[in-house]
PDB file of all heavy atoms in Angstrom:
ATOM      1  N   GLU A   1      14.913 -26.783  -9.354  1.00  0.00           N
ATOM      2  CA  GLU A   1      16.056 -26.573 -10.249  1.00  0.00           C
ATOM      3  C   GLU A   1      15.598 -26.013 -11.591  1.00  0.00           C
ATOM      4  O   GLU A   1      16.236 -25.112 -12.157  1.00  0.00           O
ATOM      5  CB  GLU A   1      16.798 -27.892 -10.463  1.00  0.00           C
ATOM      6  CG  GLU A   1      17.991 -27.785 -11.397  1.00  0.00           C
ATOM      7  CD  GLU A   1      18.623 -29.136 -11.691  1.00  0.00           C
ATOM      8  OE1 GLU A   1      18.117 -30.160 -11.180  1.00  0.00           O
ATOM      9  OE2 GLU A   1      19.618 -29.169 -12.437  1.00  0.00           O
ATOM     10  N   GLY A   2      14.482 -26.539 -12.100  1.00  0.00           N
ATOM     11  CA  GLY A   2      13.957 -26.059 -13.371  1.00  0.00           C
ATOM     12  C   GLY A   2      13.535 -24.600 -13.305  1.00  0.00           C
ATOM     13  O   GLY A   2      13.780 -23.828 -14.245  1.00  0.00           O
ATOM     14  N   ARG A   3      12.893 -24.206 -12.205  1.00  0.00           N
ATOM     15  CA  ARG A   3      12.487 -22.811 -12.056  1.00  0.00           C
ATOM     16  C   ARG A   3      13.701 -21.891 -11.975  1.00  0.00           C
ATOM     17  O   ARG A   3      13.733 -20.820 -12.597  1.00  0.00           O
ATOM     18  CB  ARG A   3      11.613 -22.649 -10.810  1.00  0.00           C
ATOM     19  CG  ARG A   3      10.196 -23.197 -10.985  1.00  0.00           C
ATOM     20  CD  ARG A   3       9.316 -22.811  -9.823  1.00  0.00           C
ATOM     21  NE  ARG A   3       9.677 -23.546  -8.611  1.00  0.00           N
ATOM     22  CZ  ARG A   3       9.165 -24.715  -8.261  1.00  0.00           C
ATOM     23  NH1 ARG A   3       8.279 -25.297  -9.037  1.00  0.00           N
ATOM     24  NH2 ARG A   3       9.538 -25.314  -7.155  1.00  0.00           N
ATOM     25  N   GLU A   4      14.702 -22.302 -11.214  1.00  0.00           N
ATOM     26  CA  GLU A   4      15.899 -21.465 -11.066  1.00  0.00           C
ATOM     27  C   GLU A   4      16.655 -21.348 -12.380  1.00  0.00           C
ATOM     28  O   GLU A   4      17.222 -20.291 -12.693  1.00  0.00           O
ATOM     29  CB  GLU A   4      16.797 -22.032  -9.967  1.00  0.00           C
ATOM     30  CG  GLU A   4      16.225 -21.912  -8.566  1.00  0.00           C
ATOM     31  CD  GLU A   4      15.860 -20.480  -8.205  1.00  0.00           C
ATOM     32  OE1 GLU A   4      16.685 -19.575  -8.458  1.00  0.00           O
ATOM     33  OE2 GLU A   4      14.753 -20.273  -7.680  1.00  0.00           O
ATOM     34  N   GLU A   5      16.661 -22.410 -13.153  1.00  0.00           N
ATOM     35  CA  GLU A   5      17.331 -22.374 -14.457  1.00  0.00           C
ATOM     36  C   GLU A   5      16.638 -21.380 -15.384  1.00  0.00           C
ATOM     37  O   GLU A   5      17.296 -20.583 -16.081  1.00  0.00           O
ATOM     38  CB  GLU A   5      17.327 -23.768 -15.069  1.00  0.00           C
ATOM     39  CG  GLU A   5      18.099 -23.896 -16.366  1.00  0.00           C
ATOM     40  CD  GLU A   5      18.167 -25.340 -16.834  1.00  0.00           C
ATOM     41  OE1 GLU A   5      17.092 -25.961 -17.043  1.00  0.00           O
ATOM     42  OE2 GLU A   5      19.288 -25.846 -16.994  1.00  0.00           O
ATOM     43  N   LEU A   6      15.306 -21.397 -15.410  1.00  0.00           N
ATOM     44  CA  LEU A   6      14.566 -20.451 -16.227  1.00  0.00           C
ATOM     45  C   LEU A   6      14.858 -19.012 -15.807  1.00  0.00           C
ATOM     46  O   LEU A   6      15.060 -18.129 -16.655  1.00  0.00           O
ATOM     47  CB  LEU A   6      13.068 -20.728 -16.119  1.00  0.00           C
ATOM     48  CG  LEU A   6      12.528 -21.927 -16.900  1.00  0.00           C
ATOM     49  CD1 LEU A   6      11.132 -22.283 -16.420  1.00  0.00           C
ATOM     50  CD2 LEU A   6      12.502 -21.629 -18.392  1.00  0.00           C
ATOM     51  N   LYS A   7      14.875 -18.775 -14.514  1.00  0.00           N
ATOM     52  CA  LYS A   7      15.145 -17.421 -14.014  1.00  0.00           C
ATOM     53  C   LYS A   7      16.547 -16.964 -14.413  1.00  0.00           C
ATOM     54  O   LYS A   7      16.746 -15.800 -14.779  1.00  0.00           O
ATOM     55  CB  LYS A   7      14.989 -17.382 -12.499  1.00  0.00           C
ATOM     56  CG  LYS A   7      13.563 -17.573 -12.006  1.00  0.00           C
ATOM     57  CD  LYS A   7      13.512 -17.625 -10.488  1.00  0.00           C
ATOM     58  CE  LYS A   7      12.122 -17.920  -9.981  1.00  0.00           C
ATOM     59  NZ  LYS A   7      12.081 -18.060  -8.490  1.00  0.00           N
ATOM     60  N   ALA A   8      17.505 -17.882 -14.345  1.00  0.00           N
ATOM     61  CA  ALA A   8      18.882 -17.531 -14.718  1.00  0.00           C
ATOM     62  C   ALA A   8      18.965 -17.176 -16.193  1.00  0.00           C
ATOM     63  O   ALA A   8      19.599 -16.183 -16.579  1.00  0.00           O
ATOM     64  CB  ALA A   8      19.819 -18.688 -14.397  1.00  0.00           C
ATOM     65  N   PHE A   9      18.311 -17.970 -17.059  1.00  0.00           N
ATOM     66  CA  PHE A   9      18.316 -17.671 -18.487  1.00  0.00           C
ATOM     67  C   PHE A   9      17.575 -16.367 -18.774  1.00  0.00           C
ATOM     68  O   PHE A   9      17.971 -15.592 -19.649  1.00  0.00           O
ATOM     69  CB  PHE A   9      17.684 -18.813 -19.278  1.00  0.00           C
ATOM     70  CG  PHE A   9      18.518 -20.063 -19.328  1.00  0.00           C
ATOM     71  CD1 PHE A   9      17.923 -21.304 -19.464  1.00  0.00           C
ATOM     72  CD2 PHE A   9      19.894 -19.999 -19.250  1.00  0.00           C
ATOM     73  CE1 PHE A   9      18.689 -22.465 -19.532  1.00  0.00           C
ATOM     74  CE2 PHE A   9      20.670 -21.148 -19.311  1.00  0.00           C
ATOM     75  CZ  PHE A   9      20.068 -22.381 -19.447  1.00  0.00           C
ATOM     76  N   GLN A  10      16.518 -16.122 -18.031  1.00  0.00           N
ATOM     77  CA  GLN A  10      15.769 -14.885 -18.221  1.00  0.00           C
ATOM     78  C   GLN A  10      16.642 -13.669 -17.877  1.00  0.00           C
ATOM     79  O   GLN A  10      16.614 -12.662 -18.591  1.00  0.00           O
ATOM     80  CB  GLN A  10      14.509 -14.903 -17.369  1.00  0.00           C
ATOM     81  CG  GLN A  10      13.576 -13.724 -17.615  1.00  0.00           C
ATOM     82  CD  GLN A  10      12.349 -13.806 -16.734  1.00  0.00           C
ATOM     83  OE1 GLN A  10      12.445 -14.142 -15.559  1.00  0.00           O
ATOM     84  NE2 GLN A  10      11.187 -13.516 -17.312  1.00  0.00           N
ATOM     85  N   ARG A  11      17.409 -13.772 -16.821  1.00  0.00           N
ATOM     86  CA  ARG A  11      18.296 -12.672 -16.448  1.00  0.00           C
ATOM     87  C   ARG A  11      19.346 -12.413 -17.520  1.00  0.00           C
ATOM     88  O   ARG A  11      19.816 -11.283 -17.679  1.00  0.00           O
ATOM     89  CB  ARG A  11      18.980 -12.965 -15.108  1.00  0.00           C
ATOM     90  CG  ARG A  11      18.056 -12.865 -13.903  1.00  0.00           C
ATOM     91  CD  ARG A  11      18.839 -12.856 -12.608  1.00  0.00           C
ATOM     92  NE  ARG A  11      19.508 -14.119 -12.365  1.00  0.00           N
ATOM     93  CZ  ARG A  11      18.970 -15.143 -11.697  1.00  0.00           C
ATOM     94  NH1 ARG A  11      17.736 -15.041 -11.209  1.00  0.00           N
ATOM     95  NH2 ARG A  11      19.642 -16.266 -11.511  1.00  0.00           N
ATOM     96  N   GLN A  12      19.713 -13.453 -18.255  1.00  0.00           N
ATOM     97  CA  GLN A  12      20.680 -13.298 -19.336  1.00  0.00           C
ATOM     98  C   GLN A  12      20.073 -12.656 -20.580  1.00  0.00           C
ATOM     99  O   GLN A  12      20.786 -12.338 -21.533  1.00  0.00           O
ATOM    100  CB  GLN A  12      21.271 -14.665 -19.708  1.00  0.00           C
ATOM    101  CG  GLN A  12      22.086 -15.312 -18.596  1.00  0.00           C
ATOM    102  CD  GLN A  12      22.470 -16.745 -18.922  1.00  0.00           C
ATOM    103  OE1 GLN A  12      22.525 -17.142 -20.091  1.00  0.00           O
ATOM    104  NE2 GLN A  12      22.734 -17.547 -17.900  1.00  0.00           N
ATOM    105  N   GLY A  13      18.754 -12.475 -20.587  1.00  0.00           N
ATOM    106  CA  GLY A  13      18.088 -11.817 -21.703  1.00  0.00           C
ATOM    107  C   GLY A  13      17.934 -12.673 -22.939  1.00  0.00           C
ATOM    108  O   GLY A  13      17.833 -12.136 -24.049  1.00  0.00           O
ATOM    109  N   ILE A  14      17.883 -13.991 -22.784  1.00  0.00           N
ATOM    110  CA  ILE A  14      17.813 -14.854 -23.959  1.00  0.00           C
ATOM    111  C   ILE A  14      16.386 -15.078 -24.449  1.00  0.00           C
ATOM    112  O   ILE A  14      16.186 -15.597 -25.548  1.00  0.00           O
ATOM    113  CB  ILE A  14      18.502 -16.207 -23.718  1.00  0.00           C
ATOM    114  CG1 ILE A  14      17.751 -17.015 -22.660  1.00  0.00           C
ATOM    115  CG2 ILE A  14      19.954 -16.013 -23.317  1.00  0.00           C
ATOM    116  CD1 ILE A  14      18.311 -18.417 -22.498  1.00  0.00           C
ATOM    117  N   TYR A  15      15.391 -14.721 -23.640  1.00  0.00           N
ATOM    118  CA  TYR A  15      13.998 -14.837 -24.057  1.00  0.00           C
ATOM    119  C   TYR A  15      13.483 -13.470 -24.504  1.00  0.00           C
ATOM    120  O   TYR A  15      14.020 -12.432 -24.098  1.00  0.00           O
ATOM    121  CB  TYR A  15      13.143 -15.364 -22.901  1.00  0.00           C
ATOM    122  CG  TYR A  15      13.576 -16.708 -22.376  1.00  0.00           C
ATOM    123  CD1 TYR A  15      14.010 -16.860 -21.061  1.00  0.00           C
ATOM    124  CD2 TYR A  15      13.550 -17.831 -23.194  1.00  0.00           C
ATOM    125  CE1 TYR A  15      14.419 -18.097 -20.574  1.00  0.00           C
ATOM    126  CE2 TYR A  15      13.954 -19.077 -22.712  1.00  0.00           C
ATOM    127  CZ  TYR A  15      14.383 -19.197 -21.402  1.00  0.00           C
ATOM    128  OH  TYR A  15      14.783 -20.419 -20.944  1.00  0.00           O
ATOM    129  N   PRO A  16      12.440 -13.437 -25.317  1.00  0.00           N
ATOM    130  CA  PRO A  16      11.917 -12.143 -25.759  1.00  0.00           C
ATOM    131  C   PRO A  16      11.337 -11.340 -24.597  1.00  0.00           C
ATOM    132  O   PRO A  16      10.849 -11.897 -23.614  1.00  0.00           O
ATOM    133  CB  PRO A  16      10.832 -12.518 -26.770  1.00  0.00           C
ATOM    134  CG  PRO A  16      10.442 -13.916 -26.412  1.00  0.00           C
ATOM    135  CD  PRO A  16      11.680 -14.563 -25.896  1.00  0.00           C
ATOM    136  N   ASP A  17      11.395 -10.040 -24.734  1.00  0.00           N
ATOM    137  CA  ASP A  17      10.779  -9.136 -23.766  1.00  0.00           C
ATOM    138  C   ASP A  17       9.265  -9.329 -23.826  1.00  0.00           C
ATOM    139  O   ASP A  17       8.675  -9.278 -24.919  1.00  0.00           O
ATOM    140  CB  ASP A  17      11.146  -7.701 -24.135  1.00  0.00           C
ATOM    141  CG  ASP A  17      10.601  -6.672 -23.161  1.00  0.00           C
ATOM    142  OD1 ASP A  17       9.687  -7.000 -22.368  1.00  0.00           O
ATOM    143  OD2 ASP A  17      11.068  -5.528 -23.210  1.00  0.00           O
ATOM    144  N   PRO A  18       8.607  -9.565 -22.693  1.00  0.00           N
ATOM    145  CA  PRO A  18       7.145  -9.738 -22.734  1.00  0.00           C
ATOM    146  C   PRO A  18       6.422  -8.598 -23.429  1.00  0.00           C
ATOM    147  O   PRO A  18       5.405  -8.813 -24.091  1.00  0.00           O
ATOM    148  CB  PRO A  18       6.772  -9.816 -21.243  1.00  0.00           C
ATOM    149  CG  PRO A  18       8.006 -10.320 -20.569  1.00  0.00           C
ATOM    150  CD  PRO A  18       9.148  -9.744 -21.338  1.00  0.00           C
ATOM    151  N   ALA A  19       6.959  -7.373 -23.306  1.00  0.00           N
ATOM    152  CA  ALA A  19       6.304  -6.216 -23.923  1.00  0.00           C
ATOM    153  C   ALA A  19       6.354  -6.270 -25.443  1.00  0.00           C
ATOM    154  O   ALA A  19       5.598  -5.552 -26.114  1.00  0.00           O
ATOM    155  CB  ALA A  19       6.953  -4.927 -23.418  1.00  0.00           C
ATOM    156  N   SER A  20       7.234  -7.107 -25.994  1.00  0.00           N
ATOM    157  CA  SER A  20       7.372  -7.183 -27.454  1.00  0.00           C
ATOM    158  C   SER A  20       6.397  -8.166 -28.080  1.00  0.00           C
ATOM    159  O   SER A  20       6.283  -8.224 -29.310  1.00  0.00           O
ATOM    160  CB  SER A  20       8.798  -7.598 -27.830  1.00  0.00           C
ATOM    161  OG  SER A  20       9.024  -8.978 -27.527  1.00  0.00           O
ATOM    162  N   LEU A  21       5.689  -8.948 -27.263  1.00  0.00           N
ATOM    163  CA  LEU A  21       4.852 -10.018 -27.791  1.00  0.00           C
ATOM    164  C   LEU A  21       3.448  -9.534 -28.122  1.00  0.00           C
ATOM    165  O   LEU A  21       2.825  -8.806 -27.346  1.00  0.00           O
ATOM    166  CB  LEU A  21       4.747 -11.165 -26.786  1.00  0.00           C
ATOM    167  CG  LEU A  21       6.041 -11.878 -26.398  1.00  0.00           C
ATOM    168  CD1 LEU A  21       5.734 -13.005 -25.419  1.00  0.00           C
ATOM    169  CD2 LEU A  21       6.760 -12.419 -27.628  1.00  0.00           C
ATOM    170  N   GLN A  22       2.965  -9.961 -29.276  1.00  0.00           N
ATOM    171  CA  GLN A  22       1.569  -9.728 -29.626  1.00  0.00           C
ATOM    172  C   GLN A  22       0.683 -10.916 -29.256  1.00  0.00           C
ATOM    173  O   GLN A  22      -0.536 -10.773 -29.233  1.00  0.00           O
ATOM    174  CB  GLN A  22       1.448  -9.442 -31.130  1.00  0.00           C
ATOM    175  CG  GLN A  22       1.775  -8.010 -31.524  1.00  0.00           C
ATOM    176  CD  GLN A  22       3.259  -7.715 -31.435  1.00  0.00           C
ATOM    177  OE1 GLN A  22       4.058  -8.364 -32.106  1.00  0.00           O
ATOM    178  NE2 GLN A  22       3.631  -6.747 -30.634  1.00  0.00           N
ATOM    179  N   ALA A  23       1.290 -12.055 -28.986  1.00  0.00           N
ATOM    180  CA  ALA A  23       0.514 -13.221 -28.557  1.00  0.00           C
ATOM    181  C   ALA A  23       1.437 -14.201 -27.849  1.00  0.00           C
ATOM    182  O   ALA A  23       2.632 -14.289 -28.153  1.00  0.00           O
ATOM    183  CB  ALA A  23      -0.173 -13.903 -29.737  1.00  0.00           C
ATOM    184  N   LEU A  24       0.860 -14.947 -26.920  1.00  0.00           N
ATOM    185  CA  LEU A  24       1.575 -15.997 -26.186  1.00  0.00           C
ATOM    186  C   LEU A  24       0.712 -17.244 -26.231  1.00  0.00           C
ATOM    187  O   LEU A  24      -0.368 -17.297 -25.632  1.00  0.00           O
ATOM    188  CB  LEU A  24       1.821 -15.569 -24.738  1.00  0.00           C
ATOM    189  CG  LEU A  24       2.407 -16.615 -23.796  1.00  0.00           C
ATOM    190  CD1 LEU A  24       3.799 -17.056 -24.257  1.00  0.00           C
ATOM    191  CD2 LEU A  24       2.471 -16.077 -22.362  1.00  0.00           C
ATOM    192  N   PHE A  25       1.183 -18.257 -26.961  1.00  0.00           N
ATOM    193  CA  PHE A  25       0.484 -19.535 -27.065  1.00  0.00           C
ATOM    194  C   PHE A  25       1.113 -20.531 -26.100  1.00  0.00           C
ATOM    195  O   PHE A  25       2.341 -20.593 -25.979  1.00  0.00           O
ATOM    196  CB  PHE A  25       0.552 -20.066 -28.498  1.00  0.00           C
ATOM    197  CG  PHE A  25      -0.040 -19.129 -29.513  1.00  0.00           C
ATOM    198  CD1 PHE A  25       0.754 -18.536 -30.483  1.00  0.00           C
ATOM    199  CD2 PHE A  25      -1.393 -18.835 -29.502  1.00  0.00           C
ATOM    200  CE1 PHE A  25       0.225 -17.672 -31.416  1.00  0.00           C
ATOM    201  CE2 PHE A  25      -1.950 -17.964 -30.435  1.00  0.00           C
ATOM    202  CZ  PHE A  25      -1.134 -17.376 -31.386  1.00  0.00           C
ATOM    203  N   VAL A  26       0.271 -21.335 -25.449  1.00  0.00           N
ATOM    204  CA  VAL A  26       0.761 -22.208 -24.387  1.00  0.00           C
ATOM    205  C   VAL A  26       0.034 -23.547 -24.449  1.00  0.00           C
ATOM    206  O   VAL A  26      -1.187 -23.596 -24.648  1.00  0.00           O
ATOM    207  CB  VAL A  26       0.557 -21.559 -22.995  1.00  0.00           C
ATOM    208  CG1 VAL A  26       1.155 -22.419 -21.898  1.00  0.00           C
ATOM    209  CG2 VAL A  26       1.169 -20.161 -22.945  1.00  0.00           C
ATOM    210  N   SER A  27       0.782 -24.623 -24.246  1.00  0.00           N
ATOM    211  CA  SER A  27       0.175 -25.933 -24.039  1.00  0.00           C
ATOM    212  C   SER A  27      -0.633 -25.900 -22.742  1.00  0.00           C
ATOM    213  O   SER A  27      -0.282 -25.183 -21.807  1.00  0.00           O
ATOM    214  CB  SER A  27       1.272 -27.001 -23.936  1.00  0.00           C
ATOM    215  OG  SER A  27       0.807 -28.151 -23.261  1.00  0.00           O
ATOM    216  N   PRO A  28      -1.695 -26.691 -22.648  1.00  0.00           N
ATOM    217  CA  PRO A  28      -2.493 -26.696 -21.414  1.00  0.00           C
ATOM    218  C   PRO A  28      -1.824 -27.394 -20.239  1.00  0.00           C
ATOM    219  O   PRO A  28      -2.322 -27.283 -19.112  1.00  0.00           O
ATOM    220  CB  PRO A  28      -3.772 -27.436 -21.824  1.00  0.00           C
ATOM    221  CG  PRO A  28      -3.336 -28.340 -22.930  1.00  0.00           C
ATOM    222  CD  PRO A  28      -2.288 -27.564 -23.689  1.00  0.00           C
ATOM    223  N   MET A  29      -0.693 -28.075 -20.464  1.00  0.00           N
ATOM    224  CA  MET A  29      -0.065 -28.825 -19.389  1.00  0.00           C
ATOM    225  C   MET A  29       0.547 -27.882 -18.345  1.00  0.00           C
ATOM    226  O   MET A  29       1.076 -26.811 -18.673  1.00  0.00           O
ATOM    227  CB  MET A  29       1.007 -29.763 -19.939  1.00  0.00           C
ATOM    228  CG  MET A  29       0.520 -30.716 -21.011  1.00  0.00           C
ATOM    229  SD  MET A  29      -0.809 -31.818 -20.455  1.00  0.00           S
ATOM    230  CE  MET A  29       0.089 -32.900 -19.338  1.00  0.00           C
ATOM    231  N   GLU A  30       0.487 -28.301 -17.082  1.00  0.00           N
ATOM    232  CA  GLU A  30       0.922 -27.458 -15.974  1.00  0.00           C
ATOM    233  C   GLU A  30       2.344 -26.942 -16.143  1.00  0.00           C
ATOM    234  O   GLU A  30       2.637 -25.775 -15.868  1.00  0.00           O
ATOM    235  CB  GLU A  30       0.812 -28.245 -14.658  1.00  0.00           C
ATOM    236  CG  GLU A  30       1.280 -27.484 -13.434  1.00  0.00           C
ATOM    237  CD  GLU A  30       1.209 -28.316 -12.166  1.00  0.00           C
ATOM    238  OE1 GLU A  30       0.879 -29.525 -12.256  1.00  0.00           O
ATOM    239  OE2 GLU A  30       1.490 -27.772 -11.080  1.00  0.00           O
ATOM    240  N   ARG A  31       3.255 -27.811 -16.603  1.00  0.00           N
ATOM    241  CA  ARG A  31       4.653 -27.406 -16.701  1.00  0.00           C
ATOM    242  C   ARG A  31       4.860 -26.288 -17.720  1.00  0.00           C
ATOM    243  O   ARG A  31       5.766 -25.460 -17.569  1.00  0.00           O
ATOM    244  CB  ARG A  31       5.533 -28.613 -17.032  1.00  0.00           C
ATOM    245  CG  ARG A  31       5.098 -29.455 -18.236  1.00  0.00           C
ATOM    246  CD  ARG A  31       5.781 -30.807 -18.198  1.00  0.00           C
ATOM    247  NE  ARG A  31       5.475 -31.692 -19.320  1.00  0.00           N
ATOM    248  CZ  ARG A  31       4.452 -32.546 -19.341  1.00  0.00           C
ATOM    249  NH1 ARG A  31       3.609 -32.598 -18.316  1.00  0.00           N
ATOM    250  NH2 ARG A  31       4.279 -33.355 -20.377  1.00  0.00           N
ATOM    251  N   CYS A  32       4.008 -26.240 -18.753  1.00  0.00           N
ATOM    252  CA  CYS A  32       4.097 -25.159 -19.737  1.00  0.00           C
ATOM    253  C   CYS A  32       3.442 -23.887 -19.213  1.00  0.00           C
ATOM    254  O   CYS A  32       3.987 -22.783 -19.388  1.00  0.00           O
ATOM    255  CB  CYS A  32       3.438 -25.588 -21.046  1.00  0.00           C
ATOM    256  SG  CYS A  32       4.322 -26.910 -21.902  1.00  0.00           S
ATOM    257  N   ARG A  33       2.300 -24.019 -18.581  1.00  0.00           N
ATOM    258  CA  ARG A  33       1.634 -22.845 -18.037  1.00  0.00           C
ATOM    259  C   ARG A  33       2.491 -22.186 -16.957  1.00  0.00           C
ATOM    260  O   ARG A  33       2.570 -20.951 -16.876  1.00  0.00           O
ATOM    261  CB  ARG A  33       0.267 -23.231 -17.488  1.00  0.00           C
ATOM    262  CG  ARG A  33      -0.727 -23.622 -18.578  1.00  0.00           C
ATOM    263  CD  ARG A  33      -2.123 -23.890 -18.037  1.00  0.00           C
ATOM    264  NE  ARG A  33      -2.194 -25.177 -17.345  1.00  0.00           N
ATOM    265  CZ  ARG A  33      -2.292 -25.337 -16.056  1.00  0.00           C
ATOM    266  NH1 ARG A  33      -2.305 -24.280 -15.245  1.00  0.00           N
ATOM    267  NH2 ARG A  33      -2.374 -26.551 -15.513  1.00  0.00           N
ATOM    268  N   GLU A  34       3.154 -22.999 -16.154  1.00  0.00           N
ATOM    269  CA  GLU A  34       4.028 -22.462 -15.107  1.00  0.00           C
ATOM    270  C   GLU A  34       5.239 -21.748 -15.722  1.00  0.00           C
ATOM    271  O   GLU A  34       5.642 -20.672 -15.262  1.00  0.00           O
ATOM    272  CB  GLU A  34       4.484 -23.596 -14.189  1.00  0.00           C
ATOM    273  CG  GLU A  34       5.233 -23.129 -12.971  1.00  0.00           C
ATOM    274  CD  GLU A  34       5.626 -24.270 -12.046  1.00  0.00           C
ATOM    275  OE1 GLU A  34       5.207 -25.428 -12.293  1.00  0.00           O
ATOM    276  OE2 GLU A  34       6.343 -24.003 -11.069  1.00  0.00           O
ATOM    277  N   THR A  35       5.807 -22.337 -16.757  1.00  0.00           N
ATOM    278  CA  THR A  35       6.937 -21.702 -17.440  1.00  0.00           C
ATOM    279  C   THR A  35       6.515 -20.367 -18.048  1.00  0.00           C
ATOM    280  O   THR A  35       7.222 -19.358 -17.931  1.00  0.00           O
ATOM    281  CB  THR A  35       7.483 -22.620 -18.546  1.00  0.00           C
ATOM    282  OG1 THR A  35       7.961 -23.828 -17.948  1.00  0.00           O
ATOM    283  CG2 THR A  35       8.615 -21.958 -19.315  1.00  0.00           C
TER     284      THR A  35
END
């Protein structure tokens, strides 16, 4: 359910375009790396 929710929000364009990012910082926890 969590993965599908992220995909749905991504399709709505609410997250930044990956091409626009100069850096991506991530917690080491699996759930953050997967997101």
